[in-house]
């Protein structure tokens, strides 16, 4: 469950490998991600604390459900494009296109062939990323070109969409539909 999501989140900030935002177009994106993280932390601070570290699945599930409910309340009007604005989406699309057209394109494509999306699953903002969905790795060569993210936020690939996912709540923060090119069969 969370282990796979955490792997994706950790992969978004590969330890010891410097990431760099390609240019100033991503400052607004980074600011919007930081604003979301502050909102989520505010939601967390309003929840009752667990008395001590626990492995009790029910207590953890209850806390996560309460966090999801609170974040959704705080982001009631959230929609696709709030974080991945049109300008940022275009910049991401250009980087992704270059990655898949470049010398590492075939390897990048192999990396994301980990599985197909759940049949009938429709992505939307503030939706919980389902545990049943396969874990698809963002190719490391592409990941190094994307803007770095805070520890609890990660990029995910689902079909041809690029998602921004919160690892604590498992909520989809935003996404770029059809961000990836059609894969060669």
Foldseek 3Di string as FASTA:
>chain_A
DLVLVLVQLCLLCPPPDDADAPDPLCPQLQVLQVVLVVQLVVQLVPDDDDPDDDPPVVVLVVSLVSSLVSSCVVCVPDWACSNCPPSNLVVLLVLQVCCLVDPCNVVQLVQQVQDAADPPDDDIFSDADDPPGDFGHRPSVSSSHHHGHPSQWGWGDHQQKIFIAGSSNNTTHHIRPNSHDDHDD
